N, C-alpha and C. Protein backbone atom coordinates (compact mmCIF):
# COMPACT_ATOMS: atom_id res chain seq x y z
N MET A 1 0.94 -1.04 -0.02
CA MET A 1 0.03 0.54 -0.12
C MET A 1 0.18 1.17 -0.03
N ASP A 2 1.78 1.09 0.11
CA ASP A 2 3.25 1.98 0.36
C ASP A 2 2.82 3.23 -1.04
N THR A 3 2.31 2.41 -2.29
CA THR A 3 1.80 3.04 -3.63
C THR A 3 1.14 4.82 -3.61
N PHE A 4 0.03 4.48 -2.66
CA PHE A 4 -0.43 5.34 -2.27
C PHE A 4 -1.06 6.54 -1.64
N SER A 5 -0.16 8.02 -2.45
CA SER A 5 0.05 9.06 -1.43
C SER A 5 -1.41 9.32 -0.06
N PRO A 6 -1.63 9.64 0.89
CA PRO A 6 -2.32 9.67 1.83
C PRO A 6 -3.64 9.95 1.75
N VAL A 7 -3.38 10.95 0.82
CA VAL A 7 -5.11 11.90 0.22
C VAL A 7 -5.38 10.60 -0.43
N THR A 8 -5.00 9.95 -0.87
CA THR A 8 -5.86 8.81 -1.91
C THR A 8 -5.96 7.60 -1.57
N ALA A 9 -5.28 7.57 -0.57
CA ALA A 9 -5.40 6.23 0.75
C ALA A 9 -6.48 7.01 1.11
N GLN A 10 -7.16 7.54 1.71
CA GLN A 10 -8.28 8.17 2.25
C GLN A 10 -9.44 8.20 1.54
N HIS A 11 -9.46 8.63 0.46
CA HIS A 11 -10.20 8.72 -0.72
C HIS A 11 -10.06 6.89 -0.83
N LEU A 12 -9.73 5.89 -1.33
CA LEU A 12 -9.90 4.91 -1.28
C LEU A 12 -10.81 3.55 -0.26
N ALA A 13 -9.77 4.41 1.04
CA ALA A 13 -10.52 3.74 1.84
C ALA A 13 -12.38 4.48 2.71
N ASP A 14 -12.44 5.41 1.93
CA ASP A 14 -13.98 6.08 1.97
C ASP A 14 -14.48 5.19 0.86
N ALA A 15 -14.16 5.35 0.31
CA ALA A 15 -14.97 4.74 -1.26
C ALA A 15 -14.88 2.99 -0.32
N LEU A 16 -14.14 2.20 -0.33
CA LEU A 16 -14.19 0.51 0.15
C LEU A 16 -15.37 1.00 0.95
N LEU A 17 -15.53 1.82 2.72
CA LEU A 17 -16.47 1.76 2.86
C LEU A 17 -17.55 2.26 2.40
N GLY A 18 -17.83 2.81 1.91
CA GLY A 18 -19.39 2.79 1.18
C GLY A 18 -19.43 1.64 0.59
N LEU A 19 -18.69 0.79 -0.44
CA LEU A 19 -18.94 -0.57 -1.49
C LEU A 19 -19.25 -1.40 0.03
N HIS A 20 -18.68 -1.24 1.76
CA HIS A 20 -18.57 -2.23 2.50
C HIS A 20 -20.27 -1.97 2.47
N LEU A 21 -20.93 -0.69 3.25
CA LEU A 21 -21.68 -0.46 3.44
C LEU A 21 -22.94 -0.83 2.50
N GLY A 22 -22.49 -0.72 1.42
CA GLY A 22 -24.18 -0.86 -0.45
C GLY A 22 -24.58 -2.69 0.17
N ILE A 23 -22.85 -4.01 0.95
CA ILE A 23 -22.94 -4.82 0.58
C ILE A 23 -23.76 -5.78 1.98
N VAL A 24 -23.82 -4.32 3.66
CA VAL A 24 -24.77 -5.13 3.60
C VAL A 24 -26.11 -4.63 3.69
N VAL A 25 -25.92 -3.57 2.97
CA VAL A 25 -27.67 -3.04 2.78
C VAL A 25 -28.26 -4.05 2.02
N PHE A 26 -27.63 -4.73 1.11
CA PHE A 26 -27.63 -5.67 -0.06
C PHE A 26 -28.18 -6.79 0.76
N ASN A 27 -27.27 -7.52 2.16
CA ASN A 27 -27.38 -8.63 2.24
C ASN A 27 -28.57 -8.81 3.20
N VAL A 28 -28.91 -7.46 4.25
CA VAL A 28 -29.54 -7.06 4.83
C VAL A 28 -31.07 -7.15 4.24
N ILE A 29 -31.31 -6.45 3.07
CA ILE A 29 -32.67 -6.42 2.64
C ILE A 29 -33.65 -7.08 1.63
N MET A 30 -32.13 -8.37 1.43
CA MET A 30 -32.94 -9.21 0.25
C MET A 30 -33.87 -10.13 0.76
N PRO A 31 -33.41 -10.85 2.51
CA PRO A 31 -34.68 -11.77 2.46
C PRO A 31 -35.57 -11.14 2.67
N PRO A 32 -36.60 -9.37 3.02
CA PRO A 32 -37.27 -9.14 2.84
C PRO A 32 -38.31 -8.97 1.85
N TRP A 33 -37.32 -8.70 0.81
CA TRP A 33 -37.64 -8.61 -0.38
C TRP A 33 -38.08 -9.71 -1.64
N ILE A 34 -37.25 -10.87 -1.01
CA ILE A 34 -37.60 -12.15 -1.43
C ILE A 34 -38.93 -12.36 -1.21
N LEU A 35 -39.68 -12.24 0.29
CA LEU A 35 -40.24 -12.44 1.01
C LEU A 35 -41.19 -11.72 0.13
N LEU A 36 -41.50 -10.00 0.24
CA LEU A 36 -42.24 -9.49 -0.56
C LEU A 36 -42.57 -9.83 -2.20
N GLY A 37 -41.01 -10.24 -2.64
CA GLY A 37 -42.00 -10.14 -4.31
C GLY A 37 -42.72 -11.78 -4.58
N ALA A 38 -42.10 -12.39 -3.30
CA ALA A 38 -42.38 -13.96 -3.73
C ALA A 38 -44.59 -13.68 -3.42
N TRP A 39 -45.23 -13.21 -2.60
CA TRP A 39 -46.61 -13.00 -2.43
C TRP A 39 -46.67 -12.13 -3.41
N ARG A 40 -45.70 -11.02 -4.30
CA ARG A 40 -46.99 -9.89 -4.70
C ARG A 40 -46.99 -10.62 -6.19
N GLY A 41 -45.61 -11.49 -6.14
CA GLY A 41 -45.00 -12.17 -7.74
C GLY A 41 -44.14 -11.48 -8.75
N TRP A 42 -42.93 -11.54 -8.43
CA TRP A 42 -42.12 -10.31 -8.88
C TRP A 42 -41.69 -11.43 -9.60
N THR A 43 -40.88 -11.29 -10.26
CA THR A 43 -40.17 -11.93 -11.46
C THR A 43 -38.46 -11.79 -10.82
N THR A 44 -38.38 -10.84 -10.79
CA THR A 44 -36.75 -10.23 -10.48
C THR A 44 -36.22 -11.13 -8.70
N VAL A 45 -37.09 -11.65 -7.86
CA VAL A 45 -36.63 -12.34 -6.84
C VAL A 45 -36.41 -13.58 -6.81
N ARG A 46 -36.84 -14.06 -8.04
CA ARG A 46 -36.36 -15.56 -8.09
C ARG A 46 -35.23 -15.53 -9.71
N ARG A 47 -34.40 -14.51 -9.49
CA ARG A 47 -33.76 -14.32 -10.53
C ARG A 47 -32.00 -15.12 -9.81
N ARG A 48 -32.33 -16.57 -10.51
CA ARG A 48 -30.57 -16.72 -10.04
C ARG A 48 -29.29 -16.41 -9.60
N TRP A 49 -29.35 -15.55 -10.95
CA TRP A 49 -27.55 -14.74 -10.47
C TRP A 49 -27.43 -14.04 -8.99
N LEU A 50 -28.95 -13.44 -9.18
CA LEU A 50 -29.21 -12.17 -7.91
C LEU A 50 -29.06 -13.32 -6.45
N ARG A 51 -29.67 -14.35 -6.79
CA ARG A 51 -29.99 -15.58 -5.12
C ARG A 51 -28.77 -15.89 -5.06
N LEU A 52 -28.18 -15.84 -6.23
CA LEU A 52 -26.87 -16.70 -5.51
C LEU A 52 -25.27 -15.41 -5.18
N LEU A 53 -25.42 -14.72 -5.61
CA LEU A 53 -24.90 -13.28 -5.39
C LEU A 53 -25.04 -13.11 -3.59
N HIS A 54 -26.62 -13.18 -3.40
CA HIS A 54 -26.32 -12.44 -1.98
C HIS A 54 -26.30 -14.13 -1.59
N LEU A 55 -26.72 -15.27 -1.70
CA LEU A 55 -25.89 -16.83 -1.30
C LEU A 55 -24.82 -16.50 -0.61
N GLY A 56 -23.94 -16.26 -1.78
CA GLY A 56 -22.14 -16.43 -1.62
C GLY A 56 -21.71 -15.14 -0.52
N GLY A 57 -22.61 -14.07 -0.78
CA GLY A 57 -21.71 -13.30 0.09
C GLY A 57 -23.01 -13.74 2.00
N MET A 58 -23.66 -13.69 2.13
CA MET A 58 -24.39 -14.54 3.56
C MET A 58 -22.98 -15.27 4.05
N ALA A 59 -22.47 -16.58 2.99
CA ALA A 59 -21.85 -17.25 3.38
C ALA A 59 -20.87 -16.94 3.78
N VAL A 60 -20.30 -16.31 3.09
CA VAL A 60 -19.05 -15.75 3.53
C VAL A 60 -18.21 -14.40 4.86
N VAL A 61 -19.99 -13.78 4.85
CA VAL A 61 -20.01 -13.25 7.08
C VAL A 61 -20.01 -14.21 7.69
N ALA A 62 -21.08 -15.64 7.18
CA ALA A 62 -20.86 -16.62 8.45
C ALA A 62 -20.00 -17.34 8.64
N MET A 63 -19.00 -16.91 7.89
CA MET A 63 -17.59 -18.51 7.83
C MET A 63 -16.51 -16.99 8.55
N GLN A 64 -16.76 -15.68 8.02
CA GLN A 64 -15.96 -15.29 8.78
C GLN A 64 -16.00 -14.56 10.49
N ALA A 65 -17.57 -14.79 10.69
CA ALA A 65 -17.99 -14.72 11.98
C ALA A 65 -17.69 -16.28 12.33
N LEU A 66 -18.57 -17.53 11.77
CA LEU A 66 -17.29 -18.34 12.87
C LEU A 66 -16.05 -19.02 12.98
N LEU A 67 -15.25 -17.95 12.17
CA LEU A 67 -13.93 -18.50 12.64
C LEU A 67 -13.50 -17.42 13.15
N GLY A 68 -14.40 -16.29 13.47
CA GLY A 68 -13.88 -14.82 14.34
C GLY A 68 -12.75 -13.82 13.96
N GLU A 69 -13.02 -13.93 12.43
CA GLU A 69 -12.24 -13.52 11.69
C GLU A 69 -12.77 -11.80 11.47
N LEU A 70 -12.32 -10.69 11.14
CA LEU A 70 -12.66 -9.72 11.21
C LEU A 70 -13.20 -9.65 9.24
N CYS A 71 -14.23 -8.96 8.65
CA CYS A 71 -14.19 -8.95 7.33
C CYS A 71 -12.96 -8.39 6.89
N PHE A 72 -12.74 -8.85 5.74
CA PHE A 72 -11.87 -8.50 5.11
C PHE A 72 -11.65 -7.34 4.62
N LEU A 73 -12.86 -6.86 4.36
CA LEU A 73 -13.13 -5.21 3.78
C LEU A 73 -12.43 -3.62 4.88
N THR A 74 -13.01 -5.17 6.23
CA THR A 74 -12.80 -3.91 7.04
C THR A 74 -11.30 -3.95 7.29
N VAL A 75 -10.74 -4.91 7.50
CA VAL A 75 -8.96 -5.00 7.37
C VAL A 75 -8.35 -4.05 6.11
N TRP A 76 -9.14 -4.30 4.68
CA TRP A 76 -7.90 -3.26 3.57
C TRP A 76 -8.15 -1.84 4.27
N GLU A 77 -9.58 -1.87 4.36
CA GLU A 77 -10.24 0.15 4.60
C GLU A 77 -9.38 0.64 5.96
N SER A 78 -9.32 -0.59 6.62
CA SER A 78 -8.65 0.15 8.59
C SER A 78 -6.99 0.43 8.02
N ALA A 79 -6.44 -0.79 6.77
CA ALA A 79 -4.82 -0.62 6.40
C ALA A 79 -4.32 1.32 5.09
N LEU A 80 -5.62 1.19 4.45
CA LEU A 80 -6.24 2.27 3.33
C LEU A 80 -5.32 3.87 4.75
N ARG A 81 -6.44 3.95 5.87
CA ARG A 81 -6.88 4.35 6.88
C ARG A 81 -5.42 4.54 7.53
N GLU A 82 -4.52 4.17 7.90
CA GLU A 82 -3.18 3.79 8.31
C GLU A 82 -2.34 4.50 7.51
N ARG A 83 -2.36 4.26 6.45
CA ARG A 83 -1.27 4.79 5.38
C ARG A 83 -2.13 6.08 5.32
N ALA A 84 -3.43 6.43 5.06
CA ALA A 84 -3.61 7.97 5.17
C ALA A 84 -3.38 8.60 6.89
N GLY A 85 -2.59 8.26 6.93
CA GLY A 85 -2.04 8.64 8.56
C GLY A 85 -3.20 9.10 9.61
N GLN A 86 -4.48 8.50 9.60
CA GLN A 86 -5.87 8.79 10.19
C GLN A 86 -5.19 7.41 11.11
N ALA A 87 -4.92 7.93 12.65
CA ALA A 87 -4.94 6.91 13.56
C ALA A 87 -6.41 6.25 14.61
N ALA A 88 -7.37 7.26 14.04
CA ALA A 88 -8.81 6.93 14.73
C ALA A 88 -9.69 7.84 13.51
N TYR A 89 -10.64 7.08 13.91
CA TYR A 89 -11.85 6.67 12.51
C TYR A 89 -12.48 8.13 13.54
N GLY A 90 -12.86 8.73 12.83
CA GLY A 90 -14.07 9.92 12.38
C GLY A 90 -12.97 11.04 11.76
N GLU A 91 -12.17 11.15 11.23
CA GLU A 91 -11.54 11.93 10.70
C GLU A 91 -11.90 12.19 9.08
N SER A 92 -12.20 11.56 8.78
CA SER A 92 -12.96 11.57 7.25
C SER A 92 -14.60 12.01 7.25
N PHE A 93 -14.83 13.22 6.94
CA PHE A 93 -16.63 12.94 7.15
C PHE A 93 -17.30 12.03 6.46
N VAL A 94 -16.94 12.17 5.13
CA VAL A 94 -17.38 10.34 4.67
C VAL A 94 -17.40 8.66 5.50
N GLU A 95 -16.26 9.17 6.06
CA GLU A 95 -16.12 7.66 7.40
C GLU A 95 -17.15 7.90 8.62
N ALA A 96 -17.02 9.21 8.95
CA ALA A 96 -17.56 9.42 9.93
C ALA A 96 -18.87 8.86 9.89
N TRP A 97 -19.67 9.38 8.48
CA TRP A 97 -21.61 8.94 8.87
C TRP A 97 -21.33 7.79 8.20
N LEU A 98 -20.74 7.06 7.52
CA LEU A 98 -20.76 5.98 7.50
C LEU A 98 -20.69 4.49 8.15
N SER A 99 -19.18 4.73 8.71
CA SER A 99 -19.04 3.87 9.84
C SER A 99 -20.03 3.87 10.82
N ALA A 100 -20.93 5.14 11.44
CA ALA A 100 -21.70 4.94 11.78
C ALA A 100 -23.34 4.20 11.86
N LEU A 101 -23.60 4.24 10.43
CA LEU A 101 -24.21 3.31 10.08
C LEU A 101 -23.99 1.57 9.53
N LEU A 102 -23.04 1.67 9.53
CA LEU A 102 -22.04 0.33 9.78
C LEU A 102 -21.48 -0.59 10.72
N TYR A 103 -21.06 -0.50 11.81
CA TYR A 103 -20.62 -0.73 12.65
C TYR A 103 -21.45 -0.38 13.93
N VAL A 104 -21.61 -1.49 14.71
CA VAL A 104 -22.21 -1.63 15.92
C VAL A 104 -22.33 -1.78 16.69
N ASP A 105 -21.51 -1.31 18.63
CA ASP A 105 -21.31 -1.27 19.67
C ASP A 105 -22.13 -2.91 20.18
N MET A 106 -22.04 -4.08 19.47
CA MET A 106 -22.25 -5.48 20.59
C MET A 106 -21.71 -6.35 20.38
N PRO A 107 -21.82 -7.27 20.96
CA PRO A 107 -20.73 -8.07 21.99
C PRO A 107 -20.52 -9.49 20.66
N LEU A 108 -19.22 -9.26 20.27
CA LEU A 108 -19.26 -10.58 19.27
C LEU A 108 -19.90 -12.18 19.46
N GLU A 109 -20.17 -12.71 20.17
CA GLU A 109 -21.46 -13.72 19.99
C GLU A 109 -22.43 -13.03 19.32
N GLN A 110 -22.60 -11.91 19.86
CA GLN A 110 -24.35 -11.86 19.38
C GLN A 110 -24.42 -11.21 18.48
N LEU A 111 -23.07 -10.76 17.09
CA LEU A 111 -23.24 -10.28 15.70
C LEU A 111 -22.45 -12.12 15.44
N VAL A 112 -21.70 -12.92 16.03
CA VAL A 112 -22.64 -14.09 15.23
C VAL A 112 -22.98 -14.63 14.79
N THR A 113 -24.20 -14.69 16.11
CA THR A 113 -25.68 -15.43 15.91
C THR A 113 -26.37 -15.03 15.09
N ILE A 114 -26.40 -13.81 15.31
CA ILE A 114 -26.76 -12.76 13.75
C ILE A 114 -26.80 -13.43 12.62
N TYR A 115 -25.67 -12.79 12.11
CA TYR A 115 -24.79 -13.43 10.74
C TYR A 115 -25.45 -14.67 10.55
N VAL A 116 -25.10 -15.94 11.69
CA VAL A 116 -25.35 -17.53 11.21
C VAL A 116 -26.90 -17.06 10.78
N LEU A 117 -27.60 -16.76 11.64
CA LEU A 117 -28.71 -17.40 11.62
C LEU A 117 -29.70 -16.60 10.28
N TRP A 118 -28.85 -15.14 9.79
CA TRP A 118 -29.38 -14.78 8.57
C TRP A 118 -29.21 -15.65 7.35
N ALA A 119 -27.80 -16.00 7.63
CA ALA A 119 -27.31 -16.69 6.07
C ALA A 119 -28.37 -18.57 6.72
N VAL A 120 -28.55 -18.15 8.02
CA VAL A 120 -29.73 -19.85 7.57
C VAL A 120 -30.92 -19.07 6.49
N LEU A 121 -30.87 -18.07 6.90
CA LEU A 121 -32.78 -17.60 6.61
C LEU A 121 -32.43 -17.82 4.89
N THR A 122 -31.49 -17.01 4.64
CA THR A 122 -30.85 -16.92 3.17
C THR A 122 -30.92 -18.01 2.22
N LEU A 123 -30.47 -19.57 3.15
CA LEU A 123 -30.64 -20.33 2.89
C LEU A 123 -31.60 -21.23 2.63
N ALA A 124 -32.59 -21.24 3.53
CA ALA A 124 -33.85 -21.23 3.91
C ALA A 124 -34.73 -20.82 2.82
N LEU A 125 -34.79 -19.86 2.92
CA LEU A 125 -35.89 -19.03 1.66
C LEU A 125 -35.68 -19.56 -0.31
N TRP A 126 -33.93 -20.46 -0.47
CA TRP A 126 -33.84 -20.64 -1.44
C TRP A 126 -34.77 -21.76 -1.99
N TRP A 127 -35.00 -22.59 -0.55
CA TRP A 127 -35.91 -23.66 -1.02
C TRP A 127 -37.93 -23.08 -0.96
N LEU A 128 -37.73 -22.31 0.14
CA LEU A 128 -39.17 -21.65 0.53
C LEU A 128 -39.63 -20.72 -1.19
N VAL A 129 -38.52 -20.10 -1.38
CA VAL A 129 -39.09 -19.28 -3.22
C VAL A 129 -37.74 -19.65 -3.75
N PRO A 130 -38.03 -20.32 -4.57
CA PRO A 130 -36.45 -20.94 -5.00
C PRO A 130 -36.16 -20.46 -6.58
N PRO A 131 -35.55 -20.06 -6.38
CA PRO A 131 -35.11 -19.13 -7.77
C PRO A 131 -35.34 -19.62 -8.87
N ALA A 132 -35.28 -19.48 -10.24
CA ALA A 132 -36.92 -19.91 -11.28
C ALA A 132 -34.83 -20.41 -12.03
N ARG A 133 -35.77 -21.78 -12.62
CA ARG A 133 -34.60 -22.26 -13.19
C ARG A 133 -34.24 -21.91 -14.72
N ARG A 134 -32.88 -22.72 -15.20
CA ARG A 134 -32.62 -21.80 -16.03
C ARG A 134 -33.28 -22.69 -17.53
N ILE A 135 -33.63 -21.74 -18.68
CA ILE A 135 -34.09 -22.23 -19.51
C ILE A 135 -32.97 -22.79 -20.19
N ARG A 136 -33.12 -24.00 -21.81
CA ARG A 136 -32.24 -24.37 -21.62
C ARG A 136 -32.33 -23.89 -23.39
N ARG A 137 -31.39 -23.23 -23.98
CA ARG A 137 -31.89 -22.78 -25.43
C ARG A 137 -31.31 -23.67 -26.67
N PRO A 138 -31.56 -23.89 -27.33
CA PRO A 138 -31.05 -24.53 -28.75
C PRO A 138 -30.15 -24.03 -29.17
């Protein structure tokens, strides 16, 4: 990471934090959206690629939590912030607001339980509201 200037590192860290927040929102919103979409007959909730993306994302989150590892996005962001010379969170306007939305003050055991249960729900939705089968074209 020595190739980035401190200003570039800060901008990259802010962008990574924004991406991380987007992924979290996607993972949290998908199960209720799938249920609502199934009830309303929306075909988008049955798109296989979207469901696989969500299932894969939740699998990564649950595995990292079970292994007691920090999210790799958090690790990368922290390294970029260190390169930018930011000793603590809150030194960037973007980071201060987004991190307040993303990071919660909760014991690790509770977070692991939430992550694993959400991943189980995601997996259960694969069978409750199955994605559309692929149509083979000649």
